[in-house]
Amino acid sequence: MNGRADVSTTRPSGVWRDRPAGDGFVADAARCIAAMEPADLAPGALAFPLALSRCVVEHGLSWAEAADGLLELRAALLAHPAVDPISEPVPLLPPDARTRVWNLAVYLWHLLTRIRSC
């Protein structure tokens, strides 16, 4: 079980599905990021940060674990033929895990946008 708690033991019964913490997070985060629109990056816009927060909480992850999951998503996107992994910038990873998740999500949105345009 990779050392993570089972969501059913850490969340009130019936609120979240019973599954290992983190199960499916990368796929859900990818869908969340793919659905983001440019307006979601505007100062004060809350839809995307709230959706991403819900995704992290629903999967029973810490912010640091969520950042690790987003780095896994980055590795998968770097394998796309439209991306040159050598010239791809490395995203800034601040010490605060919540800010790290947000920065990675915005970076991944830009990366995905570049991939879509090819």
Protein backbone atom coordinates (compact mmCIF):
# COMPACT_ATOMS: atom_id res chain seq x y z
CA MET A 1 0.00 0.00 0.00
CA ASN A 2 3.05 2.33 -0.35
CA GLY A 3 2.85 3.69 3.20
CA ARG A 4 -0.21 5.88 2.61
CA ALA A 5 -3.27 5.60 4.78
CA ASP A 6 -6.51 4.19 3.41
CA VAL A 7 -8.88 7.10 2.79
CA SER A 8 -11.74 5.20 4.41
CA THR A 9 -9.82 5.19 7.71
CA THR A 10 -8.92 8.90 7.60
CA ARG A 11 -12.14 10.42 6.25
CA PRO A 12 -15.71 10.31 7.55
CA SER A 13 -17.54 7.25 6.29
CA GLY A 14 -19.43 7.78 3.04
CA VAL A 15 -17.86 11.14 2.17
CA TRP A 16 -15.17 9.74 -0.13
CA ARG A 17 -14.91 6.45 -1.92
CA ASP A 18 -13.04 3.73 -0.07
CA ARG A 19 -9.69 3.39 -1.84
CA PRO A 20 -6.00 3.71 -1.06
CA ALA A 21 -4.86 7.32 -0.68
CA GLY A 22 -3.59 8.77 -3.94
CA ASP A 23 -5.23 6.12 -6.11
CA GLY A 24 -5.99 7.81 -9.44
CA PHE A 25 -4.71 11.24 -8.39
CA VAL A 26 -2.44 11.78 -11.39
CA ALA A 27 -5.24 11.00 -13.86
CA ASP A 28 -7.72 13.23 -11.99
CA ALA A 29 -5.17 16.05 -11.73
CA ALA A 30 -4.44 15.73 -15.46
CA ARG A 31 -8.17 16.08 -16.24
CA CYS A 32 -8.41 19.07 -13.90
CA ILE A 33 -5.40 20.78 -15.51
CA ALA A 34 -6.61 19.99 -19.04
CA ALA A 35 -9.97 21.61 -18.26
CA MET A 36 -8.33 24.82 -17.03
CA GLU A 37 -8.84 27.93 -19.16
CA PRO A 38 -6.66 31.06 -19.43
CA ALA A 39 -9.15 33.01 -17.29
CA ASP A 40 -8.44 30.55 -14.46
CA LEU A 41 -4.94 32.06 -14.19
CA ALA A 42 -6.27 35.58 -13.57
CA PRO A 43 -5.53 37.07 -10.15
CA GLY A 44 -8.36 36.29 -7.78
CA ALA A 45 -9.79 33.47 -9.90
CA LEU A 46 -10.71 30.63 -7.55
CA ALA A 47 -12.28 27.92 -9.71
CA PHE A 48 -9.04 26.17 -10.60
CA PRO A 49 -7.32 26.41 -7.19
CA LEU A 50 -10.47 25.08 -5.54
CA ALA A 51 -10.82 22.24 -8.06
CA LEU A 52 -7.18 21.28 -7.57
CA SER A 53 -7.54 21.45 -3.78
CA ARG A 54 -10.62 19.23 -3.95
CA CYS A 55 -8.67 16.74 -6.04
CA VAL A 56 -5.82 16.63 -3.48
CA VAL A 57 -8.19 16.27 -0.51
CA GLU A 58 -10.42 13.71 -2.23
CA HIS A 59 -7.39 11.50 -2.83
CA GLY A 60 -6.21 11.81 0.77
CA LEU A 61 -2.82 13.26 -0.13
CA SER A 62 -0.59 15.76 1.56
CA TRP A 63 0.46 18.72 -0.57
CA ALA A 64 3.96 17.24 -0.85
CA GLU A 65 2.52 13.94 -2.13
CA ALA A 66 0.37 15.85 -4.61
CA ALA A 67 3.45 17.71 -5.88
CA ASP A 68 5.20 14.36 -6.37
CA GLY A 69 2.21 13.16 -8.38
CA LEU A 70 2.33 16.25 -10.57
CA LEU A 71 6.04 15.61 -11.18
CA GLU A 72 5.04 12.12 -12.36
CA LEU A 73 2.58 13.77 -14.75
CA ARG A 74 5.36 16.07 -15.98
CA ALA A 75 7.57 13.06 -16.70
CA ALA A 76 4.76 11.47 -18.71
CA LEU A 77 4.15 14.66 -20.71
CA LEU A 78 7.88 15.04 -21.40
CA ALA A 79 7.73 11.68 -23.18
CA HIS A 80 5.33 13.14 -25.77
CA PRO A 81 6.97 13.40 -29.22
CA ALA A 82 6.12 17.13 -29.48
CA VAL A 83 8.28 17.92 -26.44
CA ASP A 84 12.05 18.23 -26.41
CA PRO A 85 12.86 17.14 -22.84
CA ILE A 86 16.40 18.53 -23.06
CA SER A 87 15.22 22.09 -23.69
CA GLU A 88 12.16 21.93 -21.43
CA PRO A 89 12.54 24.32 -18.49
CA VAL A 90 12.56 22.90 -14.99
CA PRO A 91 9.63 24.30 -12.99
CA LEU A 92 10.37 26.28 -9.85
CA LEU A 93 9.66 24.20 -6.76
CA PRO A 94 9.30 26.49 -3.74
CA PRO A 95 9.62 25.01 -0.24
CA ASP A 96 5.91 25.51 0.56
CA ALA A 97 4.21 22.36 -0.77
CA ARG A 98 0.86 24.03 -1.51
CA THR A 99 2.57 26.73 -3.59
CA ARG A 100 4.64 24.00 -5.25
CA VAL A 101 1.45 22.20 -6.33
CA TRP A 102 -0.05 25.39 -7.73
CA ASN A 103 3.18 26.31 -9.60
CA LEU A 104 3.45 22.79 -11.03
CA ALA A 105 -0.19 22.82 -12.13
CA VAL A 106 0.23 26.14 -13.95
CA TYR A 107 3.48 24.92 -15.53
CA LEU A 108 1.77 21.68 -16.63
CA TRP A 109 -1.12 23.64 -18.12
CA HIS A 110 1.36 25.64 -20.23
CA LEU A 111 3.19 22.44 -21.23
CA LEU A 112 -0.09 20.78 -22.18
CA THR A 113 -1.13 23.87 -24.15
CA ARG A 114 2.15 23.71 -26.12
CA ILE A 115 1.61 20.00 -26.80
CA ARG A 116 -1.95 20.62 -28.00
CA SER A 117 -0.76 23.30 -30.43
CA CYS A 118 1.54 20.86 -32.27
